[in-house]
Amino acid sequence: MGYRRLPVNGLLSSAMAQSTCKMFTMFVYGTLQKGQPNHAVMSDTKNGVAKYKGRGLTAKKYPLVIASDFNIPFLLFKEGHGKNIQGEIYEVDEQMLATLDELEGHPIFYERDLTPIDVTQSDNQLSAQTDCWCYFLKKYKPKMLDLPYLDRYDSQGDHGLKYVESEDLSDPECI
């Protein structure tokens, strides 16, 4: 007994759909990193796909500060100030990108921009450079530039500013 070929009628199998799904390269530097309070968002497949690709470092210097009553890490959009920021590189699908945009309050609170990221190896040697989407705080209070600048974020870091998980990013007064 043979088999009959069924027409696809424009529908792709899930394996084919995954291979044609548009992916975005994302750089995360704060609470979305492995071991940080919001990493569960990245690993929950209900939110979409996020594939860890490695560590990275911003090619340009920016101020990374911790501010607000909730001790939120903010990457301020002030190129040339601050430090080269360490973080993680992920490939995310459109669904995960939408989830992250919602979490970060893009484009009202944080704004997502492409920025060059130096890909680093385990020994911190540079191996390549790639453009990644990254969330920046563009509308910030000038006094935030007076805060200590970090080169990497850890919610349990020696800065003593433990992240508080109940922030409301829709309120610009929280910073």
N, C-alpha and C. Protein backbone atom coordinates (compact mmCIF):
# COMPACT_ATOMS: atom_id res chain seq x y z
N MET A 1 0.84 -1.16 0.00
CA MET A 1 0.00 0.00 0.00
C MET A 1 0.89 1.24 0.00
N GLY A 2 0.64 2.10 -0.93
CA GLY A 2 1.42 3.32 -1.06
C GLY A 2 0.85 4.45 -0.21
N TYR A 3 1.49 5.58 -0.30
CA TYR A 3 0.98 6.73 0.43
C TYR A 3 0.62 7.80 -0.55
N ARG A 4 -0.26 8.66 -0.14
CA ARG A 4 -0.70 9.75 -0.99
C ARG A 4 -0.09 11.05 -0.50
N ARG A 5 0.48 11.80 -1.40
CA ARG A 5 1.03 13.12 -1.05
C ARG A 5 -0.10 14.10 -0.88
N LEU A 6 -0.09 14.79 0.28
CA LEU A 6 -1.11 15.78 0.52
C LEU A 6 -0.56 17.16 0.19
N PRO A 7 -1.35 17.99 -0.44
CA PRO A 7 -0.88 19.33 -0.72
C PRO A 7 -0.70 20.13 0.57
N VAL A 8 0.29 20.99 0.58
CA VAL A 8 0.58 21.80 1.76
C VAL A 8 -0.38 22.99 1.84
N ASN A 9 -0.89 23.45 0.73
CA ASN A 9 -1.83 24.58 0.68
C ASN A 9 -1.29 25.84 1.37
N GLY A 10 -0.01 26.11 1.20
CA GLY A 10 0.56 27.34 1.74
C GLY A 10 0.95 27.26 3.21
N LEU A 11 0.68 26.12 3.87
CA LEU A 11 1.03 26.00 5.28
C LEU A 11 2.37 25.30 5.40
N LEU A 12 3.20 25.78 6.31
CA LEU A 12 4.50 25.18 6.54
C LEU A 12 4.43 24.28 7.76
N SER A 13 5.19 23.22 7.76
CA SER A 13 5.29 22.42 8.98
C SER A 13 5.98 23.26 10.04
N SER A 14 5.83 22.88 11.31
CA SER A 14 6.43 23.69 12.37
C SER A 14 7.94 23.74 12.23
N ALA A 15 8.57 22.65 11.79
CA ALA A 15 10.03 22.65 11.61
C ALA A 15 10.42 23.63 10.52
N MET A 16 9.66 23.64 9.42
CA MET A 16 9.96 24.58 8.34
C MET A 16 9.69 26.01 8.79
N ALA A 17 8.63 26.22 9.55
CA ALA A 17 8.29 27.56 10.01
C ALA A 17 9.41 28.11 10.90
N GLN A 18 9.96 27.25 11.76
CA GLN A 18 11.04 27.71 12.63
C GLN A 18 12.25 28.13 11.81
N SER A 19 12.55 27.39 10.74
CA SER A 19 13.74 27.71 9.96
C SER A 19 13.57 29.00 9.16
N THR A 20 12.32 29.40 8.90
CA THR A 20 12.10 30.62 8.14
C THR A 20 11.70 31.79 9.03
N CYS A 21 11.60 31.55 10.32
CA CYS A 21 11.22 32.59 11.27
C CYS A 21 12.31 33.66 11.33
N LYS A 22 11.89 34.92 11.30
CA LYS A 22 12.86 36.01 11.38
C LYS A 22 13.43 36.07 12.80
N MET A 23 14.74 36.15 12.87
CA MET A 23 15.42 36.21 14.16
C MET A 23 16.12 37.56 14.30
N PHE A 24 16.26 38.01 15.54
CA PHE A 24 16.87 39.29 15.87
C PHE A 24 17.99 39.05 16.87
N THR A 25 19.11 39.73 16.70
CA THR A 25 20.22 39.59 17.64
C THR A 25 20.07 40.65 18.72
N MET A 26 20.03 40.19 19.97
CA MET A 26 19.75 41.05 21.12
C MET A 26 20.91 41.01 22.10
N PHE A 27 21.25 42.16 22.65
CA PHE A 27 22.26 42.27 23.70
C PHE A 27 21.55 42.64 24.99
N VAL A 28 21.72 41.81 26.03
CA VAL A 28 21.12 42.11 27.33
C VAL A 28 22.23 42.32 28.35
N TYR A 29 22.06 43.29 29.22
CA TYR A 29 23.11 43.70 30.16
C TYR A 29 22.63 43.75 31.60
N GLY A 30 21.34 43.52 31.84
CA GLY A 30 20.79 43.71 33.18
C GLY A 30 20.09 42.47 33.71
N THR A 31 18.85 42.66 34.11
CA THR A 31 18.11 41.61 34.81
C THR A 31 17.69 40.45 33.90
N LEU A 32 17.88 40.56 32.59
CA LEU A 32 17.53 39.47 31.68
C LEU A 32 18.67 38.46 31.50
N GLN A 33 19.85 38.75 32.02
CA GLN A 33 20.98 37.84 31.90
C GLN A 33 20.77 36.57 32.73
N LYS A 34 21.51 35.55 32.38
CA LYS A 34 21.49 34.30 33.16
C LYS A 34 21.80 34.61 34.62
N GLY A 35 21.04 33.98 35.53
CA GLY A 35 21.28 34.16 36.95
C GLY A 35 20.71 35.45 37.53
N GLN A 36 20.02 36.24 36.71
CA GLN A 36 19.45 37.50 37.17
C GLN A 36 17.92 37.38 37.29
N PRO A 37 17.28 38.31 38.00
CA PRO A 37 15.86 38.17 38.35
C PRO A 37 14.87 37.98 37.21
N ASN A 38 15.11 38.55 36.04
CA ASN A 38 14.14 38.43 34.94
C ASN A 38 14.57 37.45 33.85
N HIS A 39 15.60 36.64 34.11
CA HIS A 39 16.04 35.70 33.07
C HIS A 39 14.96 34.69 32.72
N ALA A 40 14.05 34.40 33.63
CA ALA A 40 12.96 33.46 33.35
C ALA A 40 12.15 33.89 32.13
N VAL A 41 12.08 35.19 31.88
CA VAL A 41 11.38 35.69 30.70
C VAL A 41 12.05 35.14 29.43
N MET A 42 13.38 35.12 29.43
CA MET A 42 14.13 34.65 28.26
C MET A 42 14.01 33.14 28.07
N SER A 43 13.90 32.41 29.16
CA SER A 43 13.90 30.94 29.05
C SER A 43 12.50 30.34 28.94
N ASP A 44 11.46 31.11 29.12
CA ASP A 44 10.09 30.61 29.03
C ASP A 44 9.66 30.57 27.56
N THR A 45 9.49 29.38 27.02
CA THR A 45 9.15 29.24 25.60
C THR A 45 7.76 29.79 25.26
N LYS A 46 6.92 30.03 26.26
CA LYS A 46 5.63 30.68 26.00
C LYS A 46 5.83 32.11 25.50
N ASN A 47 6.99 32.68 25.82
CA ASN A 47 7.30 34.05 25.40
C ASN A 47 7.95 34.11 24.01
N GLY A 48 8.30 32.95 23.47
CA GLY A 48 9.00 32.91 22.19
C GLY A 48 10.33 32.19 22.34
N VAL A 49 11.19 32.38 21.36
CA VAL A 49 12.48 31.70 21.33
C VAL A 49 13.60 32.68 21.64
N ALA A 50 14.50 32.27 22.55
CA ALA A 50 15.70 33.05 22.85
C ALA A 50 16.86 32.06 22.92
N LYS A 51 17.78 32.15 21.96
CA LYS A 51 18.94 31.26 21.92
C LYS A 51 20.18 32.02 22.36
N TYR A 52 20.80 31.54 23.43
CA TYR A 52 22.03 32.16 23.93
C TYR A 52 23.15 31.94 22.92
N LYS A 53 23.85 33.02 22.56
CA LYS A 53 24.93 32.93 21.56
C LYS A 53 26.30 33.20 22.15
N GLY A 54 26.35 33.83 23.33
CA GLY A 54 27.64 34.09 23.95
C GLY A 54 27.67 35.42 24.68
N ARG A 55 28.87 35.77 25.11
CA ARG A 55 29.08 37.02 25.85
C ARG A 55 29.50 38.13 24.89
N GLY A 56 29.25 39.35 25.32
CA GLY A 56 29.62 40.49 24.49
C GLY A 56 29.95 41.70 25.33
N LEU A 57 30.41 42.72 24.65
CA LEU A 57 30.86 43.96 25.27
C LEU A 57 30.50 45.09 24.30
N THR A 58 29.84 46.13 24.80
CA THR A 58 29.51 47.24 23.89
C THR A 58 30.79 47.81 23.30
N ALA A 59 30.80 48.03 22.01
CA ALA A 59 31.98 48.59 21.34
C ALA A 59 32.16 50.07 21.73
N LYS A 60 31.04 50.71 22.07
CA LYS A 60 31.06 52.11 22.50
C LYS A 60 30.81 52.16 24.00
N LYS A 61 31.28 53.23 24.62
CA LYS A 61 31.08 53.41 26.06
C LYS A 61 29.73 54.07 26.32
N TYR A 62 29.06 53.57 27.36
CA TYR A 62 27.79 54.13 27.83
C TYR A 62 27.76 54.09 29.35
N PRO A 63 26.99 54.98 29.97
CA PRO A 63 26.82 54.89 31.42
C PRO A 63 25.77 53.82 31.78
N LEU A 64 26.18 52.83 32.54
CA LEU A 64 25.27 51.84 33.13
C LEU A 64 25.18 52.19 34.60
N VAL A 65 23.98 52.54 35.04
CA VAL A 65 23.78 52.96 36.43
C VAL A 65 22.63 52.17 37.04
N ILE A 66 22.59 52.18 38.36
CA ILE A 66 21.47 51.60 39.09
C ILE A 66 20.74 52.76 39.74
N ALA A 67 19.42 52.83 39.50
CA ALA A 67 18.65 53.96 40.03
C ALA A 67 17.22 53.53 40.34
N SER A 68 16.48 54.41 40.95
CA SER A 68 15.08 54.32 41.33
C SER A 68 14.94 53.59 42.67
N ASP A 69 13.75 53.64 43.19
CA ASP A 69 13.45 52.93 44.43
C ASP A 69 13.53 51.42 44.23
N PHE A 70 13.58 50.98 42.98
CA PHE A 70 13.57 49.55 42.66
C PHE A 70 14.95 49.03 42.25
N ASN A 71 15.96 49.89 42.28
CA ASN A 71 17.33 49.52 41.93
C ASN A 71 17.41 48.85 40.56
N ILE A 72 16.91 49.55 39.59
CA ILE A 72 16.86 49.07 38.21
C ILE A 72 18.16 49.44 37.49
N PRO A 73 18.74 48.50 36.72
CA PRO A 73 19.90 48.88 35.90
C PRO A 73 19.42 49.63 34.66
N PHE A 74 19.99 50.79 34.44
CA PHE A 74 19.65 51.62 33.28
C PHE A 74 20.89 51.84 32.44
N LEU A 75 20.77 51.59 31.14
CA LEU A 75 21.83 51.93 30.21
C LEU A 75 21.42 53.26 29.57
N LEU A 76 22.12 54.32 29.97
CA LEU A 76 21.77 55.66 29.51
C LEU A 76 22.33 55.90 28.12
N PHE A 77 21.53 56.51 27.28
CA PHE A 77 21.95 56.79 25.91
C PHE A 77 22.79 58.05 25.90
N LYS A 78 24.06 57.88 26.28
CA LYS A 78 25.03 58.99 26.31
C LYS A 78 26.35 58.40 25.83
N GLU A 79 26.40 58.21 24.52
CA GLU A 79 27.57 57.57 23.89
C GLU A 79 28.86 58.32 24.22
N GLY A 80 29.91 57.54 24.53
CA GLY A 80 31.22 58.11 24.82
C GLY A 80 31.44 58.37 26.30
N HIS A 81 30.41 58.25 27.11
CA HIS A 81 30.53 58.40 28.56
C HIS A 81 30.40 57.02 29.19
N GLY A 82 30.95 56.84 30.36
CA GLY A 82 30.78 55.57 31.05
C GLY A 82 31.82 54.55 30.66
N LYS A 83 31.37 53.32 30.49
CA LYS A 83 32.27 52.19 30.25
C LYS A 83 31.75 51.31 29.14
N ASN A 84 32.61 50.41 28.65
CA ASN A 84 32.16 49.36 27.75
C ASN A 84 31.41 48.35 28.62
N ILE A 85 30.20 48.02 28.24
CA ILE A 85 29.31 47.25 29.08
C ILE A 85 29.33 45.77 28.70
N GLN A 86 29.50 44.91 29.71
CA GLN A 86 29.49 43.47 29.51
C GLN A 86 28.04 42.96 29.55
N GLY A 87 27.76 41.95 28.74
CA GLY A 87 26.43 41.36 28.73
C GLY A 87 26.40 40.08 27.93
N GLU A 88 25.18 39.69 27.57
CA GLU A 88 24.97 38.43 26.84
C GLU A 88 24.27 38.71 25.51
N ILE A 89 24.60 37.87 24.53
CA ILE A 89 24.03 37.98 23.19
C ILE A 89 23.07 36.81 22.97
N TYR A 90 21.88 37.14 22.48
CA TYR A 90 20.85 36.14 22.19
C TYR A 90 20.31 36.37 20.79
N GLU A 91 19.85 35.29 20.18
CA GLU A 91 19.01 35.40 18.99
C GLU A 91 17.60 35.16 19.46
N VAL A 92 16.70 36.09 19.15
CA VAL A 92 15.31 35.97 19.58
C VAL A 92 14.39 36.05 18.37
N ASP A 93 13.24 35.37 18.49
CA ASP A 93 12.26 35.44 17.41
C ASP A 93 11.34 36.64 17.63
N GLU A 94 10.43 36.86 16.69
CA GLU A 94 9.55 38.02 16.75
C GLU A 94 8.68 38.02 18.00
N GLN A 95 8.23 36.84 18.41
CA GLN A 95 7.39 36.75 19.61
C GLN A 95 8.18 37.16 20.86
N MET A 96 9.41 36.67 20.99
CA MET A 96 10.23 37.04 22.15
C MET A 96 10.57 38.53 22.10
N LEU A 97 10.84 39.05 20.92
CA LEU A 97 11.13 40.48 20.79
C LEU A 97 9.94 41.30 21.27
N ALA A 98 8.74 40.89 20.90
CA ALA A 98 7.53 41.60 21.35
C ALA A 98 7.38 41.50 22.86
N THR A 99 7.69 40.33 23.43
CA THR A 99 7.64 40.15 24.88
C THR A 99 8.63 41.07 25.58
N LEU A 100 9.85 41.13 25.05
CA LEU A 100 10.87 41.99 25.64
C LEU A 100 10.51 43.47 25.51
N ASP A 101 9.97 43.84 24.35
CA ASP A 101 9.54 45.23 24.15
C ASP A 101 8.50 45.62 25.20
N GLU A 102 7.57 44.70 25.46
CA GLU A 102 6.53 44.98 26.46
C GLU A 102 7.15 45.08 27.86
N LEU A 103 8.01 44.15 28.21
CA LEU A 103 8.67 44.16 29.51
C LEU A 103 9.45 45.45 29.72
N GLU A 104 10.17 45.90 28.69
CA GLU A 104 11.04 47.07 28.81
C GLU A 104 10.31 48.39 28.54
N GLY A 105 9.03 48.31 28.19
CA GLY A 105 8.27 49.54 27.95
C GLY A 105 8.68 50.27 26.69
N HIS A 106 9.17 49.53 25.69
CA HIS A 106 9.59 50.12 24.41
C HIS A 106 8.35 50.48 23.60
N PRO A 107 8.28 51.64 23.04
CA PRO A 107 9.28 52.70 22.92
C PRO A 107 9.05 53.87 23.90
N ILE A 108 8.17 53.71 24.86
CA ILE A 108 7.83 54.82 25.75
C ILE A 108 8.87 55.00 26.85
N PHE A 109 9.31 53.91 27.46
CA PHE A 109 10.26 54.01 28.57
C PHE A 109 11.67 53.78 28.05
N TYR A 110 12.03 52.53 27.85
CA TYR A 110 13.29 52.22 27.18
C TYR A 110 13.04 52.31 25.67
N GLU A 111 14.12 52.55 24.94
CA GLU A 111 14.03 52.53 23.48
C GLU A 111 15.05 51.53 22.97
N ARG A 112 14.62 50.71 22.05
CA ARG A 112 15.48 49.66 21.48
C ARG A 112 16.19 50.22 20.26
N ASP A 113 17.53 50.15 20.27
CA ASP A 113 18.37 50.62 19.16
C ASP A 113 19.41 49.57 18.82
N LEU A 114 19.88 49.61 17.57
CA LEU A 114 21.01 48.78 17.18
C LEU A 114 22.30 49.44 17.67
N THR A 115 23.19 48.63 18.20
CA THR A 115 24.49 49.14 18.64
C THR A 115 25.54 48.07 18.38
N PRO A 116 26.78 48.46 18.04
CA PRO A 116 27.82 47.45 17.79
C PRO A 116 28.27 46.78 19.09
N ILE A 117 28.34 45.46 19.04
CA ILE A 117 28.76 44.66 20.19
C ILE A 117 29.97 43.82 19.79
N ASP A 118 31.01 43.87 20.62
CA ASP A 118 32.18 43.02 20.43
C ASP A 118 31.88 41.67 21.07
N VAL A 119 31.94 40.62 20.27
CA VAL A 119 31.72 39.25 20.77
C VAL A 119 33.01 38.82 21.47
N THR A 120 32.86 38.33 22.69
CA THR A 120 34.03 37.93 23.46
C THR A 120 34.05 36.42 23.67
N GLN A 121 35.25 35.88 23.79
CA GLN A 121 35.42 34.45 24.09
C GLN A 121 35.52 34.29 25.59
N SER A 122 35.63 33.06 26.07
CA SER A 122 35.67 32.80 27.51
C SER A 122 36.85 33.49 28.19
N ASP A 123 37.92 33.74 27.47
CA ASP A 123 39.07 34.42 28.06
C ASP A 123 39.02 35.94 27.83
N ASN A 124 37.82 36.45 27.48
CA ASN A 124 37.57 37.87 27.23
C ASN A 124 38.31 38.43 26.04
N GLN A 125 38.83 37.58 25.18
CA GLN A 125 39.45 38.03 23.94
C GLN A 125 38.34 38.31 22.92
N LEU A 126 38.50 39.38 22.15
CA LEU A 126 37.51 39.73 21.14
C LEU A 126 37.63 38.78 19.96
N SER A 127 36.48 38.31 19.47
CA SER A 127 36.52 37.40 18.33
C SER A 127 35.80 37.95 17.10
N ALA A 128 34.89 38.89 17.30
CA ALA A 128 34.13 39.46 16.18
C ALA A 128 33.34 40.66 16.69
N GLN A 129 32.68 41.34 15.77
CA GLN A 129 31.77 42.43 16.15
C GLN A 129 30.48 42.25 15.38
N THR A 130 29.36 42.50 16.04
CA THR A 130 28.06 42.38 15.41
C THR A 130 27.14 43.47 15.94
N ASP A 131 26.17 43.86 15.14
CA ASP A 131 25.17 44.82 15.59
C ASP A 131 24.06 44.07 16.31
N CYS A 132 23.70 44.55 17.48
CA CYS A 132 22.66 43.93 18.30
C CYS A 132 21.64 44.97 18.72
N TRP A 133 20.40 44.52 18.90
CA TRP A 133 19.39 45.36 19.50
C TRP A 133 19.67 45.45 20.99
N CYS A 134 19.48 46.62 21.54
CA CYS A 134 19.78 46.86 22.95
C CYS A 134 18.81 47.92 23.47
N TYR A 135 18.38 47.79 24.72
CA TYR A 135 17.45 48.76 25.31
C TYR A 135 18.22 49.86 26.03
N PHE A 136 17.93 51.10 25.64
CA PHE A 136 18.55 52.29 26.23
C PHE A 136 17.48 53.16 26.88
N LEU A 137 17.88 53.84 27.93
CA LEU A 137 17.04 54.88 28.51
C LEU A 137 17.51 56.20 27.89
N LYS A 138 16.65 56.77 27.04
CA LYS A 138 17.02 58.02 26.36
C LYS A 138 16.48 59.24 27.09
N LYS A 139 15.36 59.08 27.78
CA LYS A 139 14.77 60.20 28.53
C LYS A 139 15.08 59.98 30.00
N TYR A 140 16.19 60.53 30.44
CA TYR A 140 16.61 60.34 31.83
C TYR A 140 16.88 61.69 32.47
N LYS A 141 16.83 61.68 33.78
CA LYS A 141 17.13 62.90 34.54
C LYS A 141 18.65 63.12 34.52
N PRO A 142 19.10 64.34 34.26
CA PRO A 142 20.54 64.60 34.19
C PRO A 142 21.31 64.13 35.43
N LYS A 143 20.68 64.14 36.60
CA LYS A 143 21.37 63.72 37.83
C LYS A 143 21.76 62.24 37.78
N MET A 144 21.16 61.48 36.87
CA MET A 144 21.53 60.07 36.75
C MET A 144 22.97 59.92 36.26
N LEU A 145 23.47 60.92 35.55
CA LEU A 145 24.86 60.88 35.08
C LEU A 145 25.86 61.04 36.22
N ASP A 146 25.37 61.45 37.39
CA ASP A 146 26.24 61.60 38.56
C ASP A 146 26.36 60.30 39.37
N LEU A 147 25.58 59.30 39.02
CA LEU A 147 25.62 58.01 39.73
C LEU A 147 26.87 57.23 39.34
N PRO A 148 27.29 56.28 40.16
CA PRO A 148 28.45 55.45 39.79
C PRO A 148 28.15 54.64 38.52
N TYR A 149 29.15 54.57 37.63
CA TYR A 149 29.02 53.81 36.40
C TYR A 149 29.55 52.39 36.62
N LEU A 150 28.80 51.42 36.11
CA LEU A 150 29.19 50.01 36.18
C LEU A 150 29.65 49.55 34.80
N ASP A 151 30.45 48.49 34.75
CA ASP A 151 30.77 47.89 33.45
C ASP A 151 30.01 46.58 33.26
N ARG A 152 29.38 46.08 34.33
CA ARG A 152 28.52 44.90 34.24
C ARG A 152 27.53 44.96 35.39
N TYR A 153 26.38 44.33 35.19
CA TYR A 153 25.34 44.33 36.20
C TYR A 153 25.19 42.95 36.82
N ASP A 154 25.05 42.95 38.15
CA ASP A 154 24.72 41.75 38.90
C ASP A 154 23.80 42.20 40.03
N SER A 155 22.60 41.66 40.10
CA SER A 155 21.64 42.09 41.11
C SER A 155 22.13 41.85 42.52
N GLN A 156 23.10 40.95 42.68
CA GLN A 156 23.67 40.66 44.00
C GLN A 156 25.08 41.26 44.13
N GLY A 157 25.42 42.21 43.27
CA GLY A 157 26.76 42.76 43.22
C GLY A 157 27.19 43.51 44.47
N ASP A 158 28.45 43.85 44.50
CA ASP A 158 29.00 44.54 45.67
C ASP A 158 28.53 45.99 45.78
N HIS A 159 27.71 46.45 44.85
CA HIS A 159 27.13 47.79 44.92
C HIS A 159 26.11 47.89 46.06
N GLY A 160 25.58 46.73 46.53
CA GLY A 160 24.64 46.72 47.64
C GLY A 160 23.24 47.18 47.29
N LEU A 161 22.92 47.28 46.00
CA LEU A 161 21.61 47.75 45.55
C LEU A 161 20.82 46.59 44.95
N LYS A 162 20.20 45.78 45.80
CA LYS A 162 19.47 44.61 45.34
C LYS A 162 18.23 45.02 44.55
N TYR A 163 18.03 44.39 43.42
CA TYR A 163 16.90 44.66 42.53
C TYR A 163 15.58 44.34 43.23
N VAL A 164 14.60 45.24 43.09
CA VAL A 164 13.26 45.04 43.64
C VAL A 164 12.34 44.72 42.47
N GLU A 165 11.65 43.59 42.53
CA GLU A 165 10.93 43.07 41.37
C GLU A 165 9.56 43.66 41.09
N SER A 166 9.12 44.65 41.81
CA SER A 166 7.75 45.14 41.63
C SER A 166 7.66 46.52 41.00
N GLU A 167 8.58 46.85 40.12
CA GLU A 167 8.55 48.18 39.51
C GLU A 167 7.42 48.32 38.50
N ASP A 168 7.01 49.55 38.30
CA ASP A 168 6.01 49.89 37.29
C ASP A 168 6.68 50.83 36.30
N LEU A 169 7.17 50.28 35.18
CA LEU A 169 7.92 51.09 34.22
C LEU A 169 7.04 52.09 33.47
N SER A 170 5.74 51.98 33.64
CA SER A 170 4.89 52.94 32.94
C SER A 170 4.90 54.30 33.63
N ASP A 171 5.45 54.38 34.84
CA ASP A 171 5.49 55.63 35.59
C ASP A 171 6.88 56.25 35.50
N PRO A 172 7.06 57.30 34.70
CA PRO A 172 8.39 57.91 34.55
C PRO A 172 8.90 58.52 35.85
N GLU A 173 8.06 58.72 36.82
CA GLU A 173 8.49 59.28 38.11
C GLU A 173 9.20 58.23 38.96
N CYS A 174 9.14 56.95 38.56
CA CYS A 174 9.80 55.91 39.36
C CYS A 174 11.31 56.05 39.29
N ILE A 175 11.81 56.84 38.34
CA ILE A 175 13.25 57.07 38.27
C ILE A 175 13.50 58.47 38.74
